[in-house]
Amino acid sequence: MTKEKGALTIAEGTPAYKTDADIIFNNGKDKKDFVLRTCYDDISVWKSKHGISISGFKDKSVSPQKWAAKIDKDYWVFGVDAQKPDDIFAAVKIGMRCYNVKASDLISDIYVKNLNVENEHQIGRDAIVNVNQKLYEGVCKAIVQAAKLLGVQGILNFHVFSNIKNPKIPMESLHKALKDGGAESVVTDETPHKFNVSSNDGRRVFENLISHFHLAKFRL
C-alpha cells in the first residue's frame, strides 16, 4: 500500500492563486493527497480582502485558537503568523484532526510562494531585502521549533518559490536567510515557473510572474 503524501503551505492569499504543492525539482510533479493551507490574515480580514464568503469553524481545542474552513478539497487555517511556532503548531494540530494524519505527514514538506513582508510600501527599497531576509530566517526557525513541539523527527523540506533576481530578496540573500534560519543545505532549480500572484493587500494580480524553485533542508 502506497503511503499518502501531504504538505503544508504558508502565507496563502486567495484560493485562485494558491501555492502549487505538487511541484518538485526538474519541473517534476509529486502529487499530494492532502494539503493544509495557512493564511496570515484572520478569517474576517481574509474574506473582506478577497471578497469570498465561506463558512468556517473555530477550533477551541488548540492554543492559540484558530478559525479554519474547507475550501474545495483543502482545509485552510487563518490567522497563522508563520514566524510564531505556536501558530504553526496549532494549525498542524487542526490539520491532523481534519485529515486524520500524523504531524509529519503535513509539516515534513512546507511550501511558500513569493513570501514578502507586510506593508512593504512603507519600507524603502534599500531596506526591503534586509527585512525580507529576517522574515525568512524567522519563518525557518519557527517551522523547526513547531516541528519539535509536534514531536517530528528527521528531515524537513522547505520549498520556496522566488525569482533568482527578485529585487526584494535576490537568490544570494534568500539562501543566506535560509541558512541563518538553520538549513543544513539550500539548492536552487533554475527551471522557470510562471504563476499568477496576488499582492499582499489582495488588490492587484501579477500575471505570469516568473519564479524559481528553492529547496532548504532542515535536520531535526
N, C-alpha and C. Protein backbone atom coordinates (compact mmCIF):
# COMPACT_ATOMS: atom_id res chain seq x y z
N MET A 1 0.84 -1.20 0.00
CA MET A 1 0.00 0.00 0.00
C MET A 1 0.88 1.25 0.00
N THR A 2 0.62 2.18 -0.91
CA THR A 2 1.41 3.39 -1.02
C THR A 2 1.02 4.37 0.09
N LYS A 3 2.04 4.92 0.75
CA LYS A 3 1.79 5.88 1.82
C LYS A 3 1.29 7.19 1.23
N GLU A 4 0.23 7.75 1.83
CA GLU A 4 -0.29 9.01 1.36
C GLU A 4 0.69 10.14 1.68
N LYS A 5 0.71 11.15 0.81
CA LYS A 5 1.63 12.27 0.97
C LYS A 5 0.85 13.56 1.18
N GLY A 6 1.35 14.38 2.09
CA GLY A 6 0.71 15.65 2.35
C GLY A 6 1.72 16.78 2.38
N ALA A 7 1.22 18.00 2.57
CA ALA A 7 2.10 19.17 2.63
C ALA A 7 1.40 20.29 3.39
N LEU A 8 2.19 21.26 3.79
CA LEU A 8 1.72 22.45 4.48
C LEU A 8 2.14 23.66 3.66
N THR A 9 1.24 24.61 3.45
CA THR A 9 1.62 25.86 2.80
C THR A 9 1.44 27.01 3.78
N ILE A 10 2.25 28.05 3.60
CA ILE A 10 2.15 29.22 4.47
C ILE A 10 1.95 30.47 3.63
N ALA A 11 1.39 31.49 4.28
CA ALA A 11 1.20 32.81 3.66
C ALA A 11 0.37 32.74 2.38
N GLU A 12 -0.70 31.95 2.41
CA GLU A 12 -1.58 31.88 1.25
C GLU A 12 -2.42 33.16 1.14
N GLY A 13 -2.89 33.44 -0.08
CA GLY A 13 -3.79 34.56 -0.32
C GLY A 13 -5.15 34.04 -0.73
N THR A 14 -5.52 34.29 -1.97
CA THR A 14 -6.81 33.82 -2.48
C THR A 14 -6.68 32.40 -3.04
N PRO A 15 -7.73 31.59 -2.93
CA PRO A 15 -7.67 30.22 -3.50
C PRO A 15 -7.38 30.20 -5.00
N ALA A 16 -7.72 31.28 -5.69
CA ALA A 16 -7.49 31.31 -7.14
C ALA A 16 -6.01 31.24 -7.48
N TYR A 17 -5.16 31.67 -6.55
CA TYR A 17 -3.72 31.69 -6.81
C TYR A 17 -2.97 30.93 -5.71
N LYS A 18 -3.56 29.86 -5.23
CA LYS A 18 -2.94 29.09 -4.15
C LYS A 18 -1.63 28.46 -4.61
N THR A 19 -0.78 28.18 -3.66
CA THR A 19 0.54 27.61 -3.94
C THR A 19 0.43 26.19 -4.47
N ASP A 20 1.17 25.90 -5.52
CA ASP A 20 1.20 24.55 -6.09
C ASP A 20 2.15 23.69 -5.27
N ALA A 21 1.60 22.81 -4.46
CA ALA A 21 2.41 21.97 -3.58
C ALA A 21 2.77 20.64 -4.21
N ASP A 22 2.54 20.50 -5.51
CA ASP A 22 2.89 19.27 -6.21
C ASP A 22 4.21 19.37 -6.97
N ILE A 23 4.74 20.58 -7.10
CA ILE A 23 5.95 20.78 -7.90
C ILE A 23 7.18 20.30 -7.14
N ILE A 24 8.07 19.62 -7.85
CA ILE A 24 9.37 19.22 -7.31
C ILE A 24 10.44 19.61 -8.32
N PHE A 25 11.69 19.29 -8.03
CA PHE A 25 12.81 19.71 -8.88
C PHE A 25 12.71 19.13 -10.29
N ASN A 26 13.41 19.79 -11.22
CA ASN A 26 13.48 19.39 -12.63
C ASN A 26 12.10 19.41 -13.28
N ASN A 27 11.28 20.38 -12.83
CA ASN A 27 9.94 20.58 -13.40
C ASN A 27 9.07 19.34 -13.24
N GLY A 28 9.34 18.57 -12.18
CA GLY A 28 8.58 17.35 -11.94
C GLY A 28 7.34 17.60 -11.10
N LYS A 29 6.56 16.55 -10.92
CA LYS A 29 5.34 16.62 -10.11
C LYS A 29 5.33 15.47 -9.11
N ASP A 30 4.93 15.78 -7.89
CA ASP A 30 4.76 14.78 -6.84
C ASP A 30 3.41 15.06 -6.20
N LYS A 31 2.38 14.42 -6.73
CA LYS A 31 1.01 14.71 -6.34
C LYS A 31 0.78 14.49 -4.85
N LYS A 32 0.27 15.52 -4.17
CA LYS A 32 -0.05 15.41 -2.75
C LYS A 32 -1.50 14.96 -2.58
N ASP A 33 -1.71 14.09 -1.61
CA ASP A 33 -3.06 13.59 -1.34
C ASP A 33 -3.87 14.58 -0.51
N PHE A 34 -3.19 15.43 0.25
CA PHE A 34 -3.87 16.44 1.06
C PHE A 34 -2.90 17.59 1.33
N VAL A 35 -3.44 18.80 1.39
CA VAL A 35 -2.64 19.99 1.65
C VAL A 35 -3.34 20.84 2.69
N LEU A 36 -2.61 21.21 3.73
CA LEU A 36 -3.11 22.14 4.73
C LEU A 36 -2.59 23.53 4.36
N ARG A 37 -3.50 24.45 4.13
CA ARG A 37 -3.12 25.80 3.68
C ARG A 37 -3.35 26.80 4.81
N THR A 38 -2.37 27.65 5.06
CA THR A 38 -2.49 28.62 6.14
C THR A 38 -2.35 30.04 5.61
N CYS A 39 -3.06 30.95 6.27
CA CYS A 39 -3.08 32.36 5.87
C CYS A 39 -2.68 33.24 7.05
N TYR A 40 -1.99 34.30 6.76
CA TYR A 40 -1.59 35.26 7.80
C TYR A 40 -2.81 36.01 8.34
N ASP A 41 -3.73 36.36 7.45
CA ASP A 41 -4.90 37.16 7.85
C ASP A 41 -5.89 36.35 8.67
N ASP A 42 -6.55 37.01 9.62
CA ASP A 42 -7.69 36.40 10.29
C ASP A 42 -8.80 36.18 9.27
N ILE A 43 -9.73 35.29 9.58
CA ILE A 43 -10.74 34.89 8.60
C ILE A 43 -11.61 36.07 8.16
N SER A 44 -11.95 36.98 9.07
CA SER A 44 -12.81 38.11 8.70
C SER A 44 -12.08 39.05 7.75
N VAL A 45 -10.80 39.30 8.02
CA VAL A 45 -10.00 40.16 7.14
C VAL A 45 -9.82 39.49 5.79
N TRP A 46 -9.55 38.19 5.81
CA TRP A 46 -9.33 37.44 4.57
C TRP A 46 -10.57 37.47 3.69
N LYS A 47 -11.75 37.25 4.28
CA LYS A 47 -12.99 37.25 3.49
C LYS A 47 -13.25 38.62 2.88
N SER A 48 -13.01 39.68 3.65
CA SER A 48 -13.22 41.03 3.16
C SER A 48 -12.22 41.39 2.07
N LYS A 49 -10.97 41.02 2.27
CA LYS A 49 -9.90 41.36 1.33
C LYS A 49 -10.12 40.70 -0.03
N HIS A 50 -10.56 39.44 -0.01
CA HIS A 50 -10.67 38.68 -1.26
C HIS A 50 -12.10 38.55 -1.77
N GLY A 51 -13.06 39.11 -1.03
CA GLY A 51 -14.45 39.06 -1.47
C GLY A 51 -15.01 37.66 -1.55
N ILE A 52 -14.64 36.82 -0.59
CA ILE A 52 -15.05 35.42 -0.60
C ILE A 52 -15.91 35.13 0.63
N SER A 53 -17.02 34.45 0.41
CA SER A 53 -17.91 34.08 1.51
C SER A 53 -17.74 32.59 1.80
N ILE A 54 -17.31 32.27 3.01
CA ILE A 54 -17.15 30.88 3.42
C ILE A 54 -17.71 30.70 4.82
N SER A 55 -18.06 29.48 5.14
CA SER A 55 -18.50 29.15 6.50
C SER A 55 -17.36 28.41 7.19
N GLY A 56 -16.76 29.06 8.16
CA GLY A 56 -15.64 28.46 8.85
C GLY A 56 -16.05 27.88 10.19
N PHE A 57 -15.09 27.29 10.87
CA PHE A 57 -15.31 26.78 12.22
C PHE A 57 -14.12 27.15 13.08
N LYS A 58 -14.39 27.44 14.34
CA LYS A 58 -13.33 27.81 15.26
C LYS A 58 -12.94 26.60 16.09
N ASP A 59 -11.68 26.23 16.01
CA ASP A 59 -11.20 25.08 16.77
C ASP A 59 -10.71 25.57 18.13
N LYS A 60 -11.47 25.26 19.16
CA LYS A 60 -11.14 25.72 20.51
C LYS A 60 -10.26 24.74 21.26
N SER A 61 -9.92 23.63 20.60
CA SER A 61 -9.11 22.62 21.27
C SER A 61 -7.62 22.91 21.16
N VAL A 62 -7.26 23.91 20.34
CA VAL A 62 -5.85 24.26 20.18
C VAL A 62 -5.58 25.60 20.84
N SER A 63 -4.33 25.84 21.15
CA SER A 63 -3.93 27.12 21.71
C SER A 63 -2.69 27.61 20.97
N PRO A 64 -2.79 28.80 20.36
CA PRO A 64 -3.94 29.71 20.31
C PRO A 64 -5.06 29.17 19.41
N GLN A 65 -6.30 29.55 19.75
CA GLN A 65 -7.45 29.11 18.97
C GLN A 65 -7.40 29.71 17.56
N LYS A 66 -7.86 28.92 16.58
CA LYS A 66 -7.81 29.35 15.19
C LYS A 66 -9.11 29.04 14.47
N TRP A 67 -9.44 29.91 13.51
CA TRP A 67 -10.55 29.63 12.60
C TRP A 67 -10.02 28.83 11.41
N ALA A 68 -10.84 27.91 10.94
CA ALA A 68 -10.47 27.09 9.79
C ALA A 68 -11.69 26.92 8.90
N ALA A 69 -11.46 26.46 7.68
CA ALA A 69 -12.55 26.23 6.73
C ALA A 69 -12.09 25.24 5.68
N LYS A 70 -13.04 24.52 5.10
CA LYS A 70 -12.73 23.65 3.98
C LYS A 70 -13.12 24.37 2.70
N ILE A 71 -12.14 24.57 1.83
CA ILE A 71 -12.37 25.25 0.56
C ILE A 71 -11.99 24.28 -0.55
N ASP A 72 -12.97 23.92 -1.36
CA ASP A 72 -12.79 22.85 -2.33
C ASP A 72 -12.40 21.58 -1.56
N LYS A 73 -11.23 21.03 -1.82
CA LYS A 73 -10.86 19.79 -1.12
C LYS A 73 -9.83 20.03 -0.02
N ASP A 74 -9.39 21.27 0.15
CA ASP A 74 -8.33 21.57 1.11
C ASP A 74 -8.88 22.25 2.36
N TYR A 75 -8.23 21.99 3.49
CA TYR A 75 -8.53 22.73 4.71
C TYR A 75 -7.58 23.92 4.80
N TRP A 76 -8.15 25.06 5.18
CA TRP A 76 -7.40 26.30 5.36
C TRP A 76 -7.50 26.72 6.82
N VAL A 77 -6.39 27.23 7.37
CA VAL A 77 -6.38 27.76 8.73
C VAL A 77 -5.95 29.22 8.67
N PHE A 78 -6.67 30.08 9.39
CA PHE A 78 -6.47 31.52 9.28
C PHE A 78 -5.81 32.09 10.54
N GLY A 79 -5.22 33.28 10.37
CA GLY A 79 -4.57 33.94 11.49
C GLY A 79 -3.29 33.24 11.92
N VAL A 80 -2.57 32.70 10.93
CA VAL A 80 -1.33 31.96 11.23
C VAL A 80 -0.13 32.81 10.84
N ASP A 81 0.58 33.30 11.84
CA ASP A 81 1.82 34.03 11.63
C ASP A 81 2.94 33.00 11.57
N ALA A 82 3.51 32.82 10.39
CA ALA A 82 4.50 31.75 10.19
C ALA A 82 5.82 32.01 10.90
N GLN A 83 5.94 33.15 11.58
CA GLN A 83 7.12 33.40 12.40
C GLN A 83 6.88 33.00 13.86
N LYS A 84 5.68 32.48 14.14
CA LYS A 84 5.35 32.08 15.50
C LYS A 84 5.16 30.56 15.57
N PRO A 85 6.05 29.86 16.26
CA PRO A 85 5.93 28.40 16.35
C PRO A 85 4.58 27.93 16.87
N ASP A 86 4.00 28.65 17.84
CA ASP A 86 2.72 28.23 18.40
C ASP A 86 1.60 28.30 17.37
N ASP A 87 1.66 29.28 16.46
CA ASP A 87 0.64 29.38 15.41
C ASP A 87 0.74 28.19 14.45
N ILE A 88 1.97 27.86 14.06
CA ILE A 88 2.16 26.72 13.16
C ILE A 88 1.75 25.43 13.86
N PHE A 89 2.12 25.29 15.12
CA PHE A 89 1.75 24.12 15.91
C PHE A 89 0.23 23.95 15.93
N ALA A 90 -0.49 25.04 16.22
CA ALA A 90 -1.96 24.97 16.29
C ALA A 90 -2.56 24.60 14.94
N ALA A 91 -2.02 25.19 13.86
CA ALA A 91 -2.55 24.90 12.52
C ALA A 91 -2.36 23.43 12.17
N VAL A 92 -1.18 22.90 12.44
CA VAL A 92 -0.91 21.49 12.12
C VAL A 92 -1.80 20.57 12.95
N LYS A 93 -2.03 20.92 14.21
CA LYS A 93 -2.92 20.12 15.04
C LYS A 93 -4.33 20.05 14.43
N ILE A 94 -4.80 21.19 13.92
CA ILE A 94 -6.10 21.20 13.26
C ILE A 94 -6.06 20.32 12.01
N GLY A 95 -5.00 20.45 11.23
CA GLY A 95 -4.87 19.64 10.02
C GLY A 95 -4.81 18.15 10.32
N MET A 96 -4.15 17.79 11.41
CA MET A 96 -4.07 16.38 11.80
C MET A 96 -5.45 15.80 12.05
N ARG A 97 -6.30 16.58 12.72
CA ARG A 97 -7.65 16.10 13.01
C ARG A 97 -8.52 16.09 11.75
N CYS A 98 -8.40 17.13 10.94
CA CYS A 98 -9.24 17.22 9.75
C CYS A 98 -8.93 16.12 8.73
N TYR A 99 -7.65 15.82 8.58
CA TYR A 99 -7.24 14.82 7.59
C TYR A 99 -6.99 13.44 8.20
N ASN A 100 -7.00 13.37 9.53
CA ASN A 100 -6.72 12.11 10.23
C ASN A 100 -5.33 11.58 9.85
N VAL A 101 -4.33 12.44 10.02
CA VAL A 101 -2.95 12.08 9.66
C VAL A 101 -2.02 12.47 10.80
N LYS A 102 -0.75 12.09 10.68
CA LYS A 102 0.27 12.45 11.65
C LYS A 102 0.84 13.83 11.33
N ALA A 103 1.47 14.45 12.33
CA ALA A 103 2.08 15.76 12.12
C ALA A 103 3.12 15.72 11.01
N SER A 104 3.90 14.66 10.98
CA SER A 104 4.97 14.55 9.97
C SER A 104 4.41 14.47 8.55
N ASP A 105 3.16 14.00 8.41
CA ASP A 105 2.55 13.92 7.09
C ASP A 105 2.28 15.31 6.51
N LEU A 106 2.23 16.32 7.38
CA LEU A 106 1.95 17.68 6.93
C LEU A 106 3.19 18.56 6.92
N ILE A 107 3.94 18.55 8.03
CA ILE A 107 4.99 19.54 8.19
C ILE A 107 6.33 19.11 7.60
N SER A 108 6.43 17.89 7.11
CA SER A 108 7.70 17.46 6.51
C SER A 108 7.97 18.14 5.18
N ASP A 109 6.91 18.60 4.51
CA ASP A 109 7.06 19.34 3.25
C ASP A 109 6.25 20.62 3.35
N ILE A 110 6.96 21.73 3.38
CA ILE A 110 6.34 23.05 3.54
C ILE A 110 6.62 23.87 2.29
N TYR A 111 5.58 24.54 1.79
CA TYR A 111 5.70 25.33 0.57
C TYR A 111 5.31 26.79 0.83
N VAL A 112 6.01 27.70 0.17
CA VAL A 112 5.63 29.11 0.20
C VAL A 112 5.96 29.73 -1.16
N LYS A 113 5.11 30.65 -1.58
CA LYS A 113 5.29 31.32 -2.87
C LYS A 113 5.42 32.82 -2.65
N ASN A 114 6.56 33.37 -3.07
CA ASN A 114 6.78 34.82 -3.03
C ASN A 114 6.45 35.43 -1.66
N LEU A 115 7.03 34.84 -0.62
CA LEU A 115 6.86 35.39 0.72
C LEU A 115 7.45 36.79 0.78
N ASN A 116 6.69 37.70 1.36
CA ASN A 116 7.12 39.10 1.40
C ASN A 116 6.54 39.76 2.64
N VAL A 117 7.29 40.67 3.21
CA VAL A 117 6.86 41.35 4.43
C VAL A 117 5.58 42.14 4.18
N GLU A 118 4.73 42.22 5.20
CA GLU A 118 3.51 43.03 5.11
C GLU A 118 3.88 44.52 5.04
N ASN A 119 2.99 45.32 4.45
CA ASN A 119 3.16 46.78 4.37
C ASN A 119 4.49 47.16 3.73
N GLU A 120 4.83 46.45 2.66
CA GLU A 120 6.13 46.69 2.02
C GLU A 120 6.26 48.10 1.46
N HIS A 121 5.11 48.73 1.11
CA HIS A 121 5.16 50.07 0.53
C HIS A 121 5.67 51.10 1.53
N GLN A 122 5.67 50.74 2.81
CA GLN A 122 6.15 51.66 3.84
C GLN A 122 7.65 51.49 4.11
N ILE A 123 8.26 50.55 3.40
CA ILE A 123 9.68 50.25 3.62
C ILE A 123 10.47 50.66 2.38
N GLY A 124 11.57 51.34 2.58
CA GLY A 124 12.39 51.79 1.46
C GLY A 124 13.03 50.63 0.72
N ARG A 125 13.38 50.87 -0.54
CA ARG A 125 13.98 49.83 -1.37
C ARG A 125 15.27 49.28 -0.78
N ASP A 126 16.05 50.15 -0.17
CA ASP A 126 17.33 49.72 0.38
C ASP A 126 17.15 48.79 1.58
N ALA A 127 16.03 48.94 2.27
CA ALA A 127 15.80 48.16 3.50
C ALA A 127 15.01 46.88 3.26
N ILE A 128 14.29 46.80 2.14
CA ILE A 128 13.35 45.69 1.94
C ILE A 128 14.05 44.33 1.91
N VAL A 129 15.26 44.27 1.34
CA VAL A 129 15.97 42.99 1.28
C VAL A 129 16.31 42.51 2.68
N ASN A 130 16.84 43.40 3.51
CA ASN A 130 17.19 43.01 4.88
C ASN A 130 15.97 42.59 5.67
N VAL A 131 14.86 43.30 5.49
CA VAL A 131 13.64 42.97 6.21
C VAL A 131 13.12 41.60 5.78
N ASN A 132 13.16 41.32 4.48
CA ASN A 132 12.69 40.02 4.00
C ASN A 132 13.63 38.89 4.41
N GLN A 133 14.93 39.18 4.50
CA GLN A 133 15.85 38.17 5.00
C GLN A 133 15.48 37.78 6.43
N LYS A 134 15.20 38.77 7.25
CA LYS A 134 14.81 38.49 8.64
C LYS A 134 13.49 37.71 8.68
N LEU A 135 12.60 38.02 7.74
CA LEU A 135 11.33 37.30 7.67
C LEU A 135 11.56 35.83 7.38
N TYR A 136 12.33 35.53 6.35
CA TYR A 136 12.61 34.13 6.00
C TYR A 136 13.34 33.41 7.13
N GLU A 137 14.31 34.09 7.72
CA GLU A 137 15.05 33.48 8.83
C GLU A 137 14.10 33.15 9.98
N GLY A 138 13.21 34.08 10.29
CA GLY A 138 12.25 33.86 11.37
C GLY A 138 11.30 32.72 11.08
N VAL A 139 10.85 32.61 9.83
CA VAL A 139 9.96 31.52 9.44
C VAL A 139 10.67 30.18 9.57
N CYS A 140 11.91 30.12 9.13
CA CYS A 140 12.67 28.87 9.23
C CYS A 140 12.78 28.40 10.68
N LYS A 141 13.13 29.32 11.55
CA LYS A 141 13.28 28.96 12.96
C LYS A 141 11.94 28.53 13.56
N ALA A 142 10.87 29.18 13.12
CA ALA A 142 9.54 28.86 13.66
C ALA A 142 9.07 27.48 13.22
N ILE A 143 9.29 27.12 11.95
CA ILE A 143 8.82 25.81 11.49
C ILE A 143 9.61 24.69 12.14
N VAL A 144 10.90 24.92 12.37
CA VAL A 144 11.71 23.91 13.05
C VAL A 144 11.24 23.74 14.49
N GLN A 145 11.00 24.86 15.18
CA GLN A 145 10.54 24.78 16.56
C GLN A 145 9.16 24.13 16.65
N ALA A 146 8.28 24.47 15.72
CA ALA A 146 6.94 23.86 15.70
C ALA A 146 7.04 22.36 15.49
N ALA A 147 7.90 21.95 14.57
CA ALA A 147 8.07 20.52 14.30
C ALA A 147 8.55 19.79 15.55
N LYS A 148 9.46 20.41 16.28
CA LYS A 148 9.95 19.79 17.51
C LYS A 148 8.83 19.69 18.55
N LEU A 149 8.02 20.74 18.66
CA LEU A 149 6.89 20.71 19.59
C LEU A 149 5.90 19.60 19.23
N LEU A 150 5.81 19.30 17.94
CA LEU A 150 4.90 18.27 17.45
C LEU A 150 5.52 16.87 17.53
N GLY A 151 6.78 16.80 17.95
CA GLY A 151 7.44 15.50 18.08
C GLY A 151 7.94 14.92 16.78
N VAL A 152 8.10 15.78 15.76
CA VAL A 152 8.54 15.31 14.45
C VAL A 152 10.06 15.20 14.43
N GLN A 153 10.56 14.15 13.81
CA GLN A 153 12.00 13.94 13.67
C GLN A 153 12.33 13.69 12.21
N GLY A 154 13.62 13.86 11.88
CA GLY A 154 14.05 13.58 10.51
C GLY A 154 14.32 14.85 9.73
N ILE A 155 13.96 14.85 8.45
CA ILE A 155 14.25 15.96 7.55
C ILE A 155 12.98 16.76 7.26
N LEU A 156 13.10 18.09 7.35
CA LEU A 156 12.03 18.98 6.90
C LEU A 156 12.46 19.61 5.58
N ASN A 157 11.57 19.58 4.61
CA ASN A 157 11.84 20.20 3.31
C ASN A 157 11.03 21.49 3.20
N PHE A 158 11.73 22.61 3.04
CA PHE A 158 11.08 23.91 2.89
C PHE A 158 11.25 24.34 1.44
N HIS A 159 10.13 24.32 0.69
CA HIS A 159 10.14 24.63 -0.74
C HIS A 159 9.73 26.09 -0.93
N VAL A 160 10.57 26.85 -1.60
CA VAL A 160 10.34 28.29 -1.76
C VAL A 160 10.31 28.66 -3.24
N PHE A 161 9.24 29.34 -3.65
CA PHE A 161 9.18 29.90 -5.00
C PHE A 161 9.56 31.37 -4.92
N SER A 162 10.64 31.74 -5.61
CA SER A 162 11.09 33.13 -5.63
C SER A 162 12.05 33.31 -6.80
N ASN A 163 11.86 34.37 -7.56
CA ASN A 163 12.73 34.64 -8.70
C ASN A 163 14.17 34.85 -8.23
N ILE A 164 15.12 34.27 -8.94
CA ILE A 164 16.52 34.38 -8.53
C ILE A 164 17.02 35.82 -8.57
N LYS A 165 16.32 36.68 -9.33
CA LYS A 165 16.70 38.10 -9.40
C LYS A 165 15.66 38.99 -8.73
N ASN A 166 14.87 38.40 -7.84
CA ASN A 166 13.84 39.16 -7.12
C ASN A 166 14.48 40.36 -6.40
N PRO A 167 14.12 41.59 -6.76
CA PRO A 167 14.75 42.75 -6.13
C PRO A 167 14.44 42.88 -4.64
N LYS A 168 13.38 42.19 -4.20
CA LYS A 168 13.00 42.27 -2.78
C LYS A 168 13.79 41.27 -1.93
N ILE A 169 14.31 40.22 -2.58
CA ILE A 169 15.22 39.28 -1.92
C ILE A 169 15.84 38.39 -3.00
N PRO A 170 16.97 38.82 -3.56
CA PRO A 170 17.63 38.02 -4.60
C PRO A 170 18.13 36.69 -4.05
N MET A 171 18.51 35.79 -4.95
CA MET A 171 18.84 34.42 -4.56
C MET A 171 19.91 34.36 -3.47
N GLU A 172 20.96 35.15 -3.59
CA GLU A 172 22.04 35.08 -2.59
C GLU A 172 21.53 35.45 -1.20
N SER A 173 20.69 36.48 -1.14
CA SER A 173 20.13 36.91 0.15
C SER A 173 19.15 35.88 0.69
N LEU A 174 18.38 35.27 -0.22
CA LEU A 174 17.44 34.23 0.20
C LEU A 174 18.18 33.04 0.78
N HIS A 175 19.22 32.58 0.10
CA HIS A 175 19.98 31.44 0.59
C HIS A 175 20.61 31.74 1.95
N LYS A 176 21.12 32.95 2.12
CA LYS A 176 21.71 33.32 3.41
C LYS A 176 20.66 33.28 4.51
N ALA A 177 19.47 33.79 4.21
CA ALA A 177 18.40 33.80 5.21
C ALA A 177 18.00 32.38 5.60
N LEU A 178 17.90 31.49 4.63
CA LEU A 178 17.52 30.11 4.91
C LEU A 178 18.58 29.41 5.75
N LYS A 179 19.84 29.66 5.43
CA LYS A 179 20.92 29.04 6.21
C LYS A 179 21.02 29.65 7.60
N ASP A 180 20.82 30.97 7.70
CA ASP A 180 20.81 31.61 9.02
C ASP A 180 19.65 31.09 9.87
N GLY A 181 18.60 30.62 9.18
CA GLY A 181 17.45 30.05 9.88
C GLY A 181 17.64 28.60 10.28
N GLY A 182 18.80 28.02 9.92
CA GLY A 182 19.10 26.67 10.36
C GLY A 182 19.17 25.61 9.29
N ALA A 183 18.98 25.98 8.02
CA ALA A 183 19.03 24.98 6.95
C ALA A 183 20.43 24.41 6.82
N GLU A 184 20.51 23.08 6.69
CA GLU A 184 21.82 22.46 6.51
C GLU A 184 22.23 22.46 5.04
N SER A 185 21.26 22.64 4.15
CA SER A 185 21.58 22.75 2.72
C SER A 185 20.49 23.54 2.02
N VAL A 186 20.89 24.25 0.97
CA VAL A 186 19.94 25.00 0.14
C VAL A 186 20.37 24.83 -1.31
N VAL A 187 19.44 24.41 -2.15
CA VAL A 187 19.73 24.25 -3.58
C VAL A 187 18.63 24.93 -4.38
N THR A 188 18.97 25.30 -5.61
CA THR A 188 18.03 26.00 -6.47
C THR A 188 17.89 25.30 -7.81
N ASP A 189 16.66 25.08 -8.21
CA ASP A 189 16.35 24.57 -9.55
C ASP A 189 15.95 25.79 -10.37
N GLU A 190 16.78 26.17 -11.31
CA GLU A 190 16.56 27.42 -12.04
C GLU A 190 15.60 27.26 -13.21
N THR A 191 14.91 26.11 -13.28
CA THR A 191 13.85 25.97 -14.27
C THR A 191 12.75 26.98 -13.95
N PRO A 192 12.43 27.89 -14.86
CA PRO A 192 11.43 28.92 -14.53
C PRO A 192 10.01 28.36 -14.48
N HIS A 193 9.25 28.87 -13.53
CA HIS A 193 7.82 28.56 -13.42
C HIS A 193 7.06 29.87 -13.55
N LYS A 194 5.87 29.81 -14.11
CA LYS A 194 5.04 31.01 -14.25
C LYS A 194 3.78 30.85 -13.40
N PHE A 195 3.51 31.87 -12.58
CA PHE A 195 2.33 31.87 -11.73
C PHE A 195 1.63 33.22 -11.81
N ASN A 196 0.33 33.20 -11.54
CA ASN A 196 -0.38 34.43 -11.26
C ASN A 196 -0.33 34.63 -9.75
N VAL A 197 0.07 35.81 -9.31
CA VAL A 197 0.27 36.08 -7.89
C VAL A 197 -0.48 37.34 -7.51
N SER A 198 -1.19 37.28 -6.38
CA SER A 198 -1.88 38.48 -5.89
C SER A 198 -0.99 39.21 -4.89
N SER A 199 -1.18 40.51 -4.79
CA SER A 199 -0.42 41.31 -3.82
C SER A 199 -0.90 41.00 -2.41
N ASN A 200 -0.11 41.41 -1.41
CA ASN A 200 -0.47 41.14 -0.02
C ASN A 200 -1.82 41.75 0.35
N ASP A 201 -2.14 42.90 -0.26
CA ASP A 201 -3.41 43.55 0.08
C ASP A 201 -4.58 43.03 -0.75
N GLY A 202 -4.30 42.10 -1.68
CA GLY A 202 -5.36 41.49 -2.47
C GLY A 202 -5.92 42.37 -3.57
N ARG A 203 -5.32 43.54 -3.79
CA ARG A 203 -5.87 44.49 -4.75
C ARG A 203 -5.32 44.34 -6.15
N ARG A 204 -4.17 43.69 -6.28
CA ARG A 204 -3.54 43.57 -7.60
C ARG A 204 -3.20 42.11 -7.88
N VAL A 205 -3.18 41.78 -9.16
CA VAL A 205 -2.77 40.45 -9.60
C VAL A 205 -1.63 40.62 -10.60
N PHE A 206 -0.54 39.92 -10.35
CA PHE A 206 0.60 39.93 -11.26
C PHE A 206 0.55 38.64 -12.07
N GLU A 207 0.27 38.77 -13.36
CA GLU A 207 0.08 37.59 -14.20
C GLU A 207 1.40 37.09 -14.78
N ASN A 208 1.49 35.76 -14.86
CA ASN A 208 2.65 35.09 -15.45
C ASN A 208 3.96 35.57 -14.84
N LEU A 209 3.97 35.68 -13.53
CA LEU A 209 5.18 36.08 -12.82
C LEU A 209 6.17 34.92 -12.84
N ILE A 210 7.38 35.18 -13.30
CA ILE A 210 8.39 34.12 -13.39
C ILE A 210 9.01 33.89 -12.02
N SER A 211 9.05 32.63 -11.62
CA SER A 211 9.61 32.28 -10.31
C SER A 211 10.53 31.08 -10.47
N HIS A 212 11.42 30.92 -9.50
CA HIS A 212 12.32 29.77 -9.47
C HIS A 212 12.10 29.01 -8.17
N PHE A 213 12.57 27.78 -8.15
CA PHE A 213 12.25 26.84 -7.07
C PHE A 213 13.50 26.59 -6.23
N HIS A 214 13.38 26.83 -4.93
CA HIS A 214 14.49 26.63 -4.00
C HIS A 214 14.07 25.60 -2.95
N LEU A 215 15.01 24.79 -2.52
CA LEU A 215 14.73 23.77 -1.51
C LEU A 215 15.75 23.87 -0.38
N ALA A 216 15.24 24.14 0.82
CA ALA A 216 16.08 24.17 2.02
C ALA A 216 15.74 22.95 2.86
N LYS A 217 16.77 22.26 3.34
CA LYS A 217 16.57 21.06 4.16
C LYS A 217 17.03 21.33 5.59
N PHE A 218 16.18 20.92 6.53
CA PHE A 218 16.47 21.07 7.95
C PHE A 218 16.48 19.68 8.59
N ARG A 219 17.45 19.43 9.42
CA ARG A 219 17.53 18.15 10.11
C ARG A 219 17.15 18.33 11.57
N LEU A 220 16.16 17.56 12.02
CA LEU A 220 15.70 17.65 13.41
C LEU A 220 16.39 16.60 14.28
